[in-house]
Amino acid sequence: MNIDHTIREFTIIAPAFLLALTVHEFSHGYLAWRLGDPTPKMLGRLTLNPMKHLDLMGTICFFLFNIGWAKPVPVNPGYFKNPKRDMLWVGLAGPGSNLLLAVASAIAAKLVLFAAPVITPFILWPLAQMIAASIWINIILAVFNLVPIPPLDGSKILMGMLPARAAASFARLEPFGFIIILVLFYTGILPKMLRPIIAMANSLIY
């Protein structure tokens, strides 16, 4: 692999990836805090500093396999007035913020295209690539996190909609969630699910 190409690719993708993960986790923590849980603030997670949210293995996996994750923001639903309902909203906050970032990036792409004649190519090319990366990274993160497998956000959303007994039974899968995700990935099921998402992102870019 060409080292120069790898370095250029990293410098293009890294800012978009860091922003997407940071906003995702901040959104979880901020909404939990607004709903009455002081835990995210006490642990220093109500910040847009990406270093507070990065997970080493999740970051490595993203650059190797285009699937990654951050350190989950600790949330204590015992502080919520309606724990089941409020956890559903906290679960939605992360993917929702990524979808909003994807839309904002798509709008930014149109603005850059409109302003292209007055932007020097030295600035235009990397800027356009970063914005394009932001679109597909945020879409993939949003959709991947909506998969209803613990500990992904989709599992919290599903548990918020299930009857209490069914939700409790489903929650017991959490210790095996990471193994299930790896099996789905290595059997090709998860990449097959993400392929149309990447195609949709490309349609937004181009």
N, C-alpha and C. Protein backbone atom coordinates (compact mmCIF):
# COMPACT_ATOMS: atom_id res chain seq x y z
N MET A 1 0.85 -1.21 0.00
CA MET A 1 0.00 0.00 0.00
C MET A 1 0.88 1.25 0.00
N ASN A 2 0.51 2.24 -0.81
CA ASN A 2 1.26 3.48 -0.89
C ASN A 2 1.11 4.26 0.42
N ILE A 3 2.26 4.53 1.08
CA ILE A 3 2.23 5.21 2.38
C ILE A 3 1.69 6.62 2.25
N ASP A 4 2.11 7.34 1.20
CA ASP A 4 1.62 8.71 1.01
C ASP A 4 0.11 8.74 0.83
N HIS A 5 -0.41 7.77 0.07
CA HIS A 5 -1.85 7.70 -0.15
C HIS A 5 -2.58 7.42 1.16
N THR A 6 -2.02 6.51 1.97
CA THR A 6 -2.63 6.16 3.27
C THR A 6 -2.67 7.37 4.20
N ILE A 7 -1.56 8.13 4.22
CA ILE A 7 -1.50 9.32 5.08
C ILE A 7 -2.52 10.36 4.63
N ARG A 8 -2.62 10.56 3.32
CA ARG A 8 -3.60 11.53 2.79
C ARG A 8 -5.02 11.09 3.14
N GLU A 9 -5.29 9.79 2.99
CA GLU A 9 -6.62 9.28 3.29
C GLU A 9 -6.95 9.46 4.77
N PHE A 10 -5.96 9.21 5.62
CA PHE A 10 -6.16 9.36 7.06
C PHE A 10 -6.46 10.81 7.42
N THR A 11 -5.71 11.74 6.86
CA THR A 11 -5.91 13.16 7.19
C THR A 11 -7.27 13.67 6.68
N ILE A 12 -7.81 13.02 5.65
CA ILE A 12 -9.13 13.41 5.14
C ILE A 12 -10.23 12.82 6.02
N ILE A 13 -10.09 11.53 6.35
CA ILE A 13 -11.16 10.83 7.06
C ILE A 13 -11.17 11.13 8.56
N ALA A 14 -9.98 11.27 9.17
CA ALA A 14 -9.89 11.41 10.63
C ALA A 14 -10.74 12.55 11.19
N PRO A 15 -10.68 13.77 10.62
CA PRO A 15 -11.50 14.85 11.20
C PRO A 15 -13.00 14.55 11.17
N ALA A 16 -13.47 13.99 10.05
CA ALA A 16 -14.89 13.66 9.93
C ALA A 16 -15.28 12.56 10.91
N PHE A 17 -14.42 11.57 11.07
CA PHE A 17 -14.69 10.47 11.99
C PHE A 17 -14.73 10.95 13.43
N LEU A 18 -13.74 11.77 13.81
CA LEU A 18 -13.69 12.30 15.18
C LEU A 18 -14.92 13.16 15.48
N LEU A 19 -15.30 14.00 14.53
CA LEU A 19 -16.48 14.85 14.73
C LEU A 19 -17.73 14.00 14.89
N ALA A 20 -17.89 13.00 14.03
CA ALA A 20 -19.09 12.16 14.08
C ALA A 20 -19.20 11.42 15.41
N LEU A 21 -18.11 10.82 15.86
CA LEU A 21 -18.14 10.08 17.13
C LEU A 21 -18.37 11.02 18.32
N THR A 22 -17.69 12.16 18.29
CA THR A 22 -17.79 13.11 19.40
C THR A 22 -19.21 13.64 19.55
N VAL A 23 -19.81 14.06 18.45
CA VAL A 23 -21.18 14.58 18.49
C VAL A 23 -22.15 13.48 18.91
N HIS A 24 -21.92 12.27 18.42
CA HIS A 24 -22.78 11.13 18.78
C HIS A 24 -22.82 10.91 20.29
N GLU A 25 -21.64 10.79 20.90
CA GLU A 25 -21.59 10.51 22.34
C GLU A 25 -22.01 11.72 23.17
N PHE A 26 -21.63 12.91 22.72
CA PHE A 26 -22.06 14.13 23.42
C PHE A 26 -23.58 14.22 23.44
N SER A 27 -24.22 13.86 22.34
CA SER A 27 -25.68 13.95 22.26
C SER A 27 -26.34 13.00 23.24
N HIS A 28 -25.80 11.78 23.36
CA HIS A 28 -26.32 10.85 24.37
C HIS A 28 -26.23 11.48 25.77
N GLY A 29 -25.02 11.96 26.09
CA GLY A 29 -24.79 12.51 27.42
C GLY A 29 -25.61 13.75 27.70
N TYR A 30 -25.71 14.63 26.70
CA TYR A 30 -26.43 15.89 26.90
C TYR A 30 -27.91 15.63 27.16
N LEU A 31 -28.50 14.73 26.37
CA LEU A 31 -29.93 14.47 26.56
C LEU A 31 -30.17 13.77 27.90
N ALA A 32 -29.29 12.84 28.27
CA ALA A 32 -29.43 12.18 29.57
C ALA A 32 -29.36 13.21 30.70
N TRP A 33 -28.44 14.14 30.57
CA TRP A 33 -28.28 15.20 31.58
C TRP A 33 -29.53 16.07 31.65
N ARG A 34 -30.07 16.43 30.48
CA ARG A 34 -31.27 17.26 30.44
C ARG A 34 -32.48 16.51 31.03
N LEU A 35 -32.45 15.19 30.95
CA LEU A 35 -33.55 14.39 31.49
C LEU A 35 -33.37 14.07 32.97
N GLY A 36 -32.28 14.58 33.56
CA GLY A 36 -32.11 14.46 35.00
C GLY A 36 -30.95 13.62 35.49
N ASP A 37 -30.19 13.01 34.59
CA ASP A 37 -29.08 12.15 35.01
C ASP A 37 -27.78 12.96 35.05
N PRO A 38 -27.17 13.15 36.22
CA PRO A 38 -25.93 13.94 36.30
C PRO A 38 -24.68 13.13 35.93
N THR A 39 -24.82 11.82 35.70
CA THR A 39 -23.66 10.95 35.48
C THR A 39 -22.75 11.40 34.35
N PRO A 40 -23.27 11.69 33.15
CA PRO A 40 -22.37 12.11 32.07
C PRO A 40 -21.56 13.36 32.40
N LYS A 41 -22.19 14.32 33.07
CA LYS A 41 -21.48 15.55 33.44
C LYS A 41 -20.43 15.27 34.51
N MET A 42 -20.78 14.45 35.50
CA MET A 42 -19.84 14.12 36.57
C MET A 42 -18.60 13.40 36.03
N LEU A 43 -18.77 12.62 34.97
CA LEU A 43 -17.65 11.85 34.40
C LEU A 43 -16.94 12.60 33.28
N GLY A 44 -17.30 13.87 33.08
CA GLY A 44 -16.61 14.69 32.09
C GLY A 44 -16.94 14.36 30.65
N ARG A 45 -18.11 13.78 30.40
CA ARG A 45 -18.46 13.39 29.04
C ARG A 45 -19.34 14.42 28.32
N LEU A 46 -19.70 15.51 29.01
CA LEU A 46 -20.44 16.57 28.31
C LEU A 46 -19.42 17.54 27.71
N THR A 47 -18.68 17.04 26.75
CA THR A 47 -17.62 17.82 26.11
C THR A 47 -17.51 17.44 24.65
N LEU A 48 -17.04 18.38 23.84
CA LEU A 48 -16.79 18.10 22.42
C LEU A 48 -15.31 17.80 22.18
N ASN A 49 -14.59 17.48 23.26
CA ASN A 49 -13.21 17.04 23.13
C ASN A 49 -13.21 15.56 22.74
N PRO A 50 -12.77 15.23 21.52
CA PRO A 50 -12.86 13.83 21.07
C PRO A 50 -12.05 12.86 21.92
N MET A 51 -11.00 13.32 22.57
CA MET A 51 -10.17 12.43 23.37
C MET A 51 -10.94 11.82 24.54
N LYS A 52 -12.01 12.49 24.97
CA LYS A 52 -12.82 11.98 26.07
C LYS A 52 -13.75 10.84 25.63
N HIS A 53 -13.93 10.70 24.33
CA HIS A 53 -14.92 9.75 23.81
C HIS A 53 -14.31 8.59 23.03
N LEU A 54 -13.05 8.69 22.62
CA LEU A 54 -12.47 7.68 21.73
C LEU A 54 -12.28 6.35 22.44
N ASP A 55 -12.57 5.29 21.70
CA ASP A 55 -12.26 3.93 22.12
C ASP A 55 -11.20 3.40 21.17
N LEU A 56 -10.07 2.93 21.69
CA LEU A 56 -8.94 2.54 20.85
C LEU A 56 -9.33 1.47 19.84
N MET A 57 -9.96 0.38 20.31
CA MET A 57 -10.32 -0.71 19.41
C MET A 57 -11.36 -0.25 18.39
N GLY A 58 -12.33 0.57 18.83
CA GLY A 58 -13.35 1.06 17.91
C GLY A 58 -12.77 1.93 16.82
N THR A 59 -11.75 2.72 17.17
CA THR A 59 -11.09 3.59 16.18
C THR A 59 -10.30 2.75 15.18
N ILE A 60 -9.56 1.76 15.67
CA ILE A 60 -8.78 0.90 14.79
C ILE A 60 -9.70 0.15 13.82
N CYS A 61 -10.81 -0.38 14.36
CA CYS A 61 -11.75 -1.12 13.50
C CYS A 61 -12.35 -0.24 12.43
N PHE A 62 -12.58 1.04 12.76
CA PHE A 62 -13.15 1.92 11.74
C PHE A 62 -12.20 2.07 10.56
N PHE A 63 -10.92 2.32 10.84
CA PHE A 63 -9.98 2.54 9.75
C PHE A 63 -9.63 1.25 9.01
N LEU A 64 -9.86 0.10 9.66
CA LEU A 64 -9.61 -1.18 8.98
C LEU A 64 -10.83 -1.70 8.24
N PHE A 65 -12.04 -1.54 8.86
CA PHE A 65 -13.24 -2.18 8.34
C PHE A 65 -14.39 -1.23 8.04
N ASN A 66 -14.18 0.09 8.28
CA ASN A 66 -15.25 1.09 8.10
C ASN A 66 -16.41 0.91 9.07
N ILE A 67 -16.17 0.22 10.19
CA ILE A 67 -17.16 0.09 11.25
C ILE A 67 -16.45 0.39 12.57
N GLY A 68 -16.94 1.38 13.31
CA GLY A 68 -16.24 1.76 14.53
C GLY A 68 -17.20 2.23 15.60
N TRP A 69 -16.65 2.50 16.76
CA TRP A 69 -17.47 2.94 17.88
C TRP A 69 -16.63 3.75 18.86
N ALA A 70 -17.29 4.45 19.75
CA ALA A 70 -16.62 5.23 20.79
C ALA A 70 -16.90 4.60 22.14
N LYS A 71 -16.33 5.17 23.20
CA LYS A 71 -16.65 4.71 24.55
C LYS A 71 -18.08 5.14 24.87
N PRO A 72 -18.94 4.21 25.22
CA PRO A 72 -20.32 4.59 25.55
C PRO A 72 -20.37 5.55 26.73
N VAL A 73 -21.25 6.52 26.65
CA VAL A 73 -21.46 7.45 27.77
C VAL A 73 -22.26 6.73 28.85
N PRO A 74 -21.73 6.64 30.08
CA PRO A 74 -22.49 5.98 31.15
C PRO A 74 -23.76 6.77 31.47
N VAL A 75 -24.87 6.06 31.53
CA VAL A 75 -26.17 6.67 31.84
C VAL A 75 -26.83 5.85 32.94
N ASN A 76 -27.38 6.54 33.92
CA ASN A 76 -28.10 5.87 35.01
C ASN A 76 -29.59 6.20 34.89
N PRO A 77 -30.39 5.27 34.33
CA PRO A 77 -31.82 5.56 34.13
C PRO A 77 -32.59 5.74 35.42
N GLY A 78 -31.97 5.40 36.56
CA GLY A 78 -32.63 5.60 37.85
C GLY A 78 -32.95 7.06 38.13
N TYR A 79 -32.25 7.96 37.46
CA TYR A 79 -32.51 9.40 37.65
C TYR A 79 -33.67 9.90 36.79
N PHE A 80 -34.11 9.11 35.82
CA PHE A 80 -35.14 9.58 34.90
C PHE A 80 -36.53 9.47 35.54
N LYS A 81 -37.42 10.39 35.16
CA LYS A 81 -38.80 10.31 35.64
C LYS A 81 -39.51 9.09 35.05
N ASN A 82 -39.22 8.82 33.79
CA ASN A 82 -39.79 7.66 33.11
C ASN A 82 -38.63 6.91 32.45
N PRO A 83 -37.96 6.00 33.21
CA PRO A 83 -36.73 5.37 32.72
C PRO A 83 -36.87 4.70 31.36
N LYS A 84 -37.93 3.97 31.14
CA LYS A 84 -38.10 3.24 29.88
C LYS A 84 -38.22 4.19 28.70
N ARG A 85 -39.09 5.17 28.83
CA ARG A 85 -39.29 6.14 27.74
C ARG A 85 -38.04 6.99 27.52
N ASP A 86 -37.45 7.47 28.62
CA ASP A 86 -36.31 8.38 28.50
C ASP A 86 -35.07 7.69 27.94
N MET A 87 -34.86 6.40 28.27
CA MET A 87 -33.74 5.67 27.69
C MET A 87 -33.92 5.50 26.18
N LEU A 88 -35.17 5.37 25.74
CA LEU A 88 -35.43 5.30 24.30
C LEU A 88 -34.95 6.58 23.62
N TRP A 89 -35.29 7.73 24.22
CA TRP A 89 -34.89 9.01 23.63
C TRP A 89 -33.38 9.21 23.69
N VAL A 90 -32.76 8.78 24.79
CA VAL A 90 -31.30 8.87 24.89
C VAL A 90 -30.65 7.99 23.83
N GLY A 91 -31.21 6.80 23.61
CA GLY A 91 -30.69 5.92 22.58
C GLY A 91 -30.80 6.52 21.18
N LEU A 92 -31.90 7.23 20.93
CA LEU A 92 -32.11 7.86 19.62
C LEU A 92 -31.20 9.07 19.40
N ALA A 93 -30.76 9.69 20.48
CA ALA A 93 -30.02 10.96 20.37
C ALA A 93 -28.74 10.81 19.54
N GLY A 94 -27.99 9.72 19.76
CA GLY A 94 -26.73 9.55 19.05
C GLY A 94 -26.91 9.38 17.55
N PRO A 95 -27.67 8.34 17.10
CA PRO A 95 -27.91 8.19 15.66
C PRO A 95 -28.60 9.40 15.04
N GLY A 96 -29.51 10.01 15.80
CA GLY A 96 -30.19 11.21 15.28
C GLY A 96 -29.22 12.34 15.01
N SER A 97 -28.25 12.52 15.91
CA SER A 97 -27.26 13.59 15.70
C SER A 97 -26.39 13.30 14.48
N ASN A 98 -26.10 12.01 14.23
CA ASN A 98 -25.30 11.66 13.04
C ASN A 98 -26.08 11.92 11.76
N LEU A 99 -27.38 11.63 11.77
CA LEU A 99 -28.18 11.90 10.58
C LEU A 99 -28.25 13.40 10.31
N LEU A 100 -28.37 14.21 11.38
CA LEU A 100 -28.38 15.66 11.21
C LEU A 100 -27.04 16.15 10.67
N LEU A 101 -25.93 15.56 11.15
CA LEU A 101 -24.61 15.93 10.64
C LEU A 101 -24.47 15.55 9.17
N ALA A 102 -25.03 14.40 8.78
CA ALA A 102 -24.98 13.98 7.38
C ALA A 102 -25.73 14.97 6.49
N VAL A 103 -26.91 15.40 6.95
CA VAL A 103 -27.69 16.39 6.19
C VAL A 103 -26.93 17.72 6.10
N ALA A 104 -26.35 18.15 7.23
CA ALA A 104 -25.58 19.40 7.23
C ALA A 104 -24.38 19.30 6.29
N SER A 105 -23.75 18.12 6.26
CA SER A 105 -22.60 17.92 5.38
C SER A 105 -23.02 17.94 3.91
N ALA A 106 -24.19 17.36 3.62
CA ALA A 106 -24.70 17.37 2.25
C ALA A 106 -24.99 18.81 1.80
N ILE A 107 -25.54 19.61 2.71
CA ILE A 107 -25.79 21.03 2.39
C ILE A 107 -24.46 21.75 2.18
N ALA A 108 -23.47 21.46 3.03
CA ALA A 108 -22.15 22.07 2.88
C ALA A 108 -21.52 21.69 1.55
N ALA A 109 -21.75 20.43 1.12
CA ALA A 109 -21.20 19.99 -0.17
C ALA A 109 -21.78 20.82 -1.32
N LYS A 110 -23.09 21.09 -1.26
CA LYS A 110 -23.72 21.91 -2.30
C LYS A 110 -23.16 23.33 -2.30
N LEU A 111 -22.93 23.87 -1.09
CA LEU A 111 -22.40 25.23 -0.98
C LEU A 111 -20.97 25.31 -1.52
N VAL A 112 -20.17 24.29 -1.22
CA VAL A 112 -18.79 24.26 -1.73
C VAL A 112 -18.80 24.14 -3.24
N LEU A 113 -19.69 23.31 -3.78
CA LEU A 113 -19.81 23.16 -5.23
C LEU A 113 -20.19 24.49 -5.88
N PHE A 114 -21.09 25.21 -5.22
CA PHE A 114 -21.53 26.52 -5.74
C PHE A 114 -20.38 27.53 -5.72
N ALA A 115 -19.55 27.45 -4.65
CA ALA A 115 -18.45 28.41 -4.49
C ALA A 115 -17.15 27.95 -5.14
N ALA A 116 -17.16 26.79 -5.77
CA ALA A 116 -15.93 26.20 -6.32
C ALA A 116 -15.14 27.14 -7.24
N PRO A 117 -15.80 27.93 -8.09
CA PRO A 117 -15.02 28.79 -8.99
C PRO A 117 -14.14 29.83 -8.29
N VAL A 118 -14.48 30.17 -7.03
CA VAL A 118 -13.69 31.20 -6.34
C VAL A 118 -12.80 30.60 -5.24
N ILE A 119 -12.77 29.26 -5.13
CA ILE A 119 -11.92 28.61 -4.13
C ILE A 119 -10.74 27.99 -4.84
N THR A 120 -9.54 28.22 -4.32
CA THR A 120 -8.35 27.65 -4.95
C THR A 120 -8.38 26.14 -4.84
N PRO A 121 -7.90 25.41 -5.87
CA PRO A 121 -7.92 23.93 -5.84
C PRO A 121 -7.18 23.37 -4.63
N PHE A 122 -6.16 24.07 -4.15
CA PHE A 122 -5.38 23.60 -3.00
C PHE A 122 -6.27 23.42 -1.76
N ILE A 123 -7.27 24.30 -1.63
CA ILE A 123 -8.21 24.24 -0.51
C ILE A 123 -9.45 23.43 -0.89
N LEU A 124 -9.92 23.60 -2.12
CA LEU A 124 -11.17 22.99 -2.56
C LEU A 124 -11.13 21.47 -2.50
N TRP A 125 -10.06 20.86 -2.99
CA TRP A 125 -10.01 19.40 -3.09
C TRP A 125 -10.07 18.71 -1.73
N PRO A 126 -9.19 19.05 -0.77
CA PRO A 126 -9.30 18.39 0.54
C PRO A 126 -10.59 18.73 1.28
N LEU A 127 -11.09 19.96 1.12
CA LEU A 127 -12.34 20.35 1.78
C LEU A 127 -13.50 19.52 1.25
N ALA A 128 -13.56 19.37 -0.07
CA ALA A 128 -14.63 18.57 -0.67
C ALA A 128 -14.56 17.11 -0.22
N GLN A 129 -13.35 16.58 -0.12
CA GLN A 129 -13.19 15.19 0.32
C GLN A 129 -13.59 15.00 1.79
N MET A 130 -13.25 15.98 2.63
CA MET A 130 -13.64 15.89 4.05
C MET A 130 -15.16 15.93 4.20
N ILE A 131 -15.81 16.79 3.44
CA ILE A 131 -17.27 16.90 3.52
C ILE A 131 -17.91 15.61 3.01
N ALA A 132 -17.36 15.05 1.91
CA ALA A 132 -17.88 13.79 1.39
C ALA A 132 -17.72 12.68 2.42
N ALA A 133 -16.55 12.63 3.07
CA ALA A 133 -16.31 11.62 4.11
C ALA A 133 -17.29 11.79 5.27
N SER A 134 -17.58 13.03 5.62
CA SER A 134 -18.51 13.30 6.72
C SER A 134 -19.90 12.76 6.42
N ILE A 135 -20.32 12.84 5.15
CA ILE A 135 -21.64 12.34 4.78
C ILE A 135 -21.72 10.83 5.01
N TRP A 136 -20.80 10.07 4.40
CA TRP A 136 -20.94 8.62 4.49
C TRP A 136 -20.58 8.09 5.89
N ILE A 137 -19.65 8.73 6.58
CA ILE A 137 -19.31 8.28 7.93
C ILE A 137 -20.50 8.44 8.86
N ASN A 138 -21.16 9.59 8.80
CA ASN A 138 -22.31 9.83 9.69
C ASN A 138 -23.49 8.93 9.36
N ILE A 139 -23.72 8.66 8.08
CA ILE A 139 -24.81 7.76 7.71
C ILE A 139 -24.53 6.34 8.20
N ILE A 140 -23.29 5.88 7.99
CA ILE A 140 -22.94 4.53 8.41
C ILE A 140 -23.02 4.40 9.94
N LEU A 141 -22.50 5.40 10.67
CA LEU A 141 -22.56 5.35 12.13
C LEU A 141 -24.01 5.32 12.62
N ALA A 142 -24.85 6.14 12.00
CA ALA A 142 -26.25 6.20 12.42
C ALA A 142 -26.93 4.86 12.20
N VAL A 143 -26.79 4.31 11.01
CA VAL A 143 -27.48 3.06 10.69
C VAL A 143 -26.90 1.89 11.47
N PHE A 144 -25.57 1.83 11.58
CA PHE A 144 -24.92 0.75 12.33
C PHE A 144 -25.39 0.77 13.79
N ASN A 145 -25.47 1.95 14.39
CA ASN A 145 -25.88 2.04 15.79
C ASN A 145 -27.36 1.76 15.99
N LEU A 146 -28.14 1.81 14.93
CA LEU A 146 -29.57 1.50 15.05
C LEU A 146 -29.85 0.00 14.95
N VAL A 147 -28.82 -0.80 14.65
CA VAL A 147 -29.01 -2.25 14.66
C VAL A 147 -29.37 -2.69 16.08
N PRO A 148 -30.47 -3.42 16.26
CA PRO A 148 -30.95 -3.73 17.62
C PRO A 148 -30.20 -4.89 18.29
N ILE A 149 -28.90 -4.71 18.46
CA ILE A 149 -28.08 -5.70 19.16
C ILE A 149 -27.37 -4.98 20.31
N PRO A 150 -27.52 -5.44 21.54
CA PRO A 150 -26.80 -4.80 22.64
C PRO A 150 -25.30 -4.87 22.41
N PRO A 151 -24.53 -3.83 22.70
CA PRO A 151 -24.94 -2.61 23.40
C PRO A 151 -25.23 -1.44 22.46
N LEU A 152 -25.50 -1.73 21.18
CA LEU A 152 -25.75 -0.65 20.22
C LEU A 152 -27.03 0.09 20.58
N ASP A 153 -27.14 1.33 20.09
CA ASP A 153 -28.28 2.18 20.45
C ASP A 153 -29.61 1.57 20.06
N GLY A 154 -29.62 0.82 18.96
CA GLY A 154 -30.86 0.20 18.52
C GLY A 154 -31.46 -0.72 19.55
N SER A 155 -30.61 -1.36 20.37
CA SER A 155 -31.12 -2.25 21.42
C SER A 155 -31.84 -1.45 22.50
N LYS A 156 -31.32 -0.26 22.82
CA LYS A 156 -31.97 0.58 23.85
C LYS A 156 -33.31 1.10 23.34
N ILE A 157 -33.33 1.43 22.05
CA ILE A 157 -34.59 1.90 21.46
C ILE A 157 -35.62 0.78 21.46
N LEU A 158 -35.19 -0.43 21.07
CA LEU A 158 -36.11 -1.57 21.06
C LEU A 158 -36.61 -1.89 22.46
N MET A 159 -35.70 -1.86 23.46
CA MET A 159 -36.12 -2.16 24.84
C MET A 159 -37.11 -1.12 25.36
N GLY A 160 -37.01 0.12 24.84
CA GLY A 160 -37.95 1.15 25.24
C GLY A 160 -39.34 0.92 24.68
N MET A 161 -39.44 0.06 23.66
CA MET A 161 -40.74 -0.21 23.03
C MET A 161 -41.32 -1.56 23.44
N LEU A 162 -40.47 -2.44 24.00
CA LEU A 162 -40.93 -3.76 24.39
C LEU A 162 -41.62 -3.72 25.76
N PRO A 163 -42.51 -4.67 26.03
CA PRO A 163 -43.05 -4.82 27.39
C PRO A 163 -41.91 -5.09 28.37
N ALA A 164 -42.12 -4.75 29.63
CA ALA A 164 -41.05 -4.80 30.63
C ALA A 164 -40.38 -6.17 30.70
N ARG A 165 -41.16 -7.25 30.69
CA ARG A 165 -40.59 -8.60 30.82
C ARG A 165 -39.75 -8.94 29.59
N ALA A 166 -40.26 -8.61 28.40
CA ALA A 166 -39.53 -8.89 27.17
C ALA A 166 -38.25 -8.05 27.10
N ALA A 167 -38.32 -6.80 27.56
CA ALA A 167 -37.15 -5.93 27.56
C ALA A 167 -36.07 -6.47 28.49
N ALA A 168 -36.48 -6.98 29.66
CA ALA A 168 -35.53 -7.54 30.61
C ALA A 168 -34.85 -8.78 30.03
N SER A 169 -35.61 -9.61 29.34
CA SER A 169 -35.04 -10.81 28.71
C SER A 169 -34.06 -10.42 27.61
N PHE A 170 -34.43 -9.42 26.82
CA PHE A 170 -33.57 -8.97 25.72
C PHE A 170 -32.27 -8.38 26.26
N ALA A 171 -32.35 -7.69 27.40
CA ALA A 171 -31.17 -7.05 27.98
C ALA A 171 -30.11 -8.08 28.38
N ARG A 172 -30.53 -9.34 28.60
CA ARG A 172 -29.57 -10.37 28.98
C ARG A 172 -28.61 -10.74 27.85
N LEU A 173 -28.92 -10.29 26.64
CA LEU A 173 -28.02 -10.54 25.50
C LEU A 173 -26.78 -9.66 25.52
N GLU A 174 -26.81 -8.59 26.35
CA GLU A 174 -25.72 -7.60 26.28
C GLU A 174 -24.33 -8.19 26.45
N PRO A 175 -24.07 -9.14 27.36
CA PRO A 175 -22.71 -9.67 27.47
C PRO A 175 -22.22 -10.36 26.19
N PHE A 176 -23.17 -10.78 25.33
CA PHE A 176 -22.81 -11.50 24.11
C PHE A 176 -22.93 -10.62 22.87
N GLY A 177 -23.31 -9.35 23.06
CA GLY A 177 -23.58 -8.47 21.93
C GLY A 177 -22.40 -8.30 21.01
N PHE A 178 -21.22 -8.06 21.58
CA PHE A 178 -20.04 -7.82 20.76
C PHE A 178 -19.71 -9.07 19.93
N ILE A 179 -19.88 -10.25 20.53
CA ILE A 179 -19.63 -11.50 19.80
C ILE A 179 -20.61 -11.64 18.65
N ILE A 180 -21.88 -11.32 18.90
CA ILE A 180 -22.90 -11.40 17.84
C ILE A 180 -22.55 -10.47 16.69
N ILE A 181 -22.11 -9.25 17.03
CA ILE A 181 -21.73 -8.28 15.99
C ILE A 181 -20.56 -8.81 15.16
N LEU A 182 -19.55 -9.38 15.83
CA LEU A 182 -18.40 -9.93 15.11
C LEU A 182 -18.81 -11.08 14.20
N VAL A 183 -19.70 -11.95 14.68
CA VAL A 183 -20.18 -13.07 13.85
C VAL A 183 -20.92 -12.54 12.62
N LEU A 184 -21.78 -11.55 12.83
CA LEU A 184 -22.52 -10.95 11.70
C LEU A 184 -21.57 -10.31 10.70
N PHE A 185 -20.47 -9.74 11.22
CA PHE A 185 -19.51 -9.10 10.33
C PHE A 185 -18.74 -10.13 9.53
N TYR A 186 -18.20 -11.14 10.21
CA TYR A 186 -17.34 -12.10 9.53
C TYR A 186 -18.11 -13.08 8.66
N THR A 187 -19.40 -13.23 8.88
CA THR A 187 -20.22 -14.05 7.99
C THR A 187 -20.72 -13.25 6.78
N GLY A 188 -20.43 -11.95 6.78
CA GLY A 188 -20.80 -11.11 5.64
C GLY A 188 -22.18 -10.50 5.74
N ILE A 189 -22.92 -10.84 6.80
CA ILE A 189 -24.29 -10.32 6.93
C ILE A 189 -24.27 -8.81 7.17
N LEU A 190 -23.41 -8.37 8.10
CA LEU A 190 -23.36 -6.95 8.44
C LEU A 190 -22.85 -6.10 7.26
N PRO A 191 -21.76 -6.50 6.59
CA PRO A 191 -21.34 -5.73 5.41
C PRO A 191 -22.42 -5.65 4.33
N LYS A 192 -23.17 -6.75 4.17
CA LYS A 192 -24.24 -6.76 3.18
C LYS A 192 -25.33 -5.75 3.55
N MET A 193 -25.58 -5.62 4.86
CA MET A 193 -26.56 -4.64 5.33
C MET A 193 -26.07 -3.21 5.08
N LEU A 194 -24.75 -3.00 5.23
CA LEU A 194 -24.20 -1.65 5.10
C LEU A 194 -23.96 -1.22 3.66
N ARG A 195 -23.87 -2.21 2.75
CA ARG A 195 -23.56 -1.87 1.36
C ARG A 195 -24.55 -0.89 0.74
N PRO A 196 -25.86 -1.12 0.88
CA PRO A 196 -26.80 -0.13 0.32
C PRO A 196 -26.72 1.22 1.02
N ILE A 197 -26.29 1.22 2.29
CA ILE A 197 -26.14 2.49 3.01
C ILE A 197 -24.99 3.29 2.40
N ILE A 198 -23.90 2.61 2.07
CA ILE A 198 -22.76 3.29 1.42
C ILE A 198 -23.19 3.82 0.06
N ALA A 199 -23.99 3.02 -0.66
CA ALA A 199 -24.48 3.46 -1.98
C ALA A 199 -25.35 4.70 -1.83
N MET A 200 -26.19 4.74 -0.79
CA MET A 200 -27.03 5.92 -0.56
C MET A 200 -26.17 7.14 -0.24
N ALA A 201 -25.12 6.92 0.55
CA ALA A 201 -24.21 8.03 0.87
C ALA A 201 -23.55 8.56 -0.38
N ASN A 202 -23.12 7.64 -1.26
CA ASN A 202 -22.50 8.06 -2.51
C ASN A 202 -23.46 8.85 -3.38
N SER A 203 -24.74 8.48 -3.34
CA SER A 203 -25.72 9.21 -4.15
C SER A 203 -25.89 10.64 -3.62
N LEU A 204 -25.74 10.82 -2.29
CA LEU A 204 -25.80 12.16 -1.72
C LEU A 204 -24.56 12.98 -2.09
N ILE A 205 -23.43 12.29 -2.16
CA ILE A 205 -22.18 12.97 -2.47
C ILE A 205 -22.15 13.41 -3.93
N TYR A 206 -22.54 12.50 -4.79
CA TYR A 206 -22.43 12.78 -6.21
C TYR A 206 -23.78 13.13 -6.83
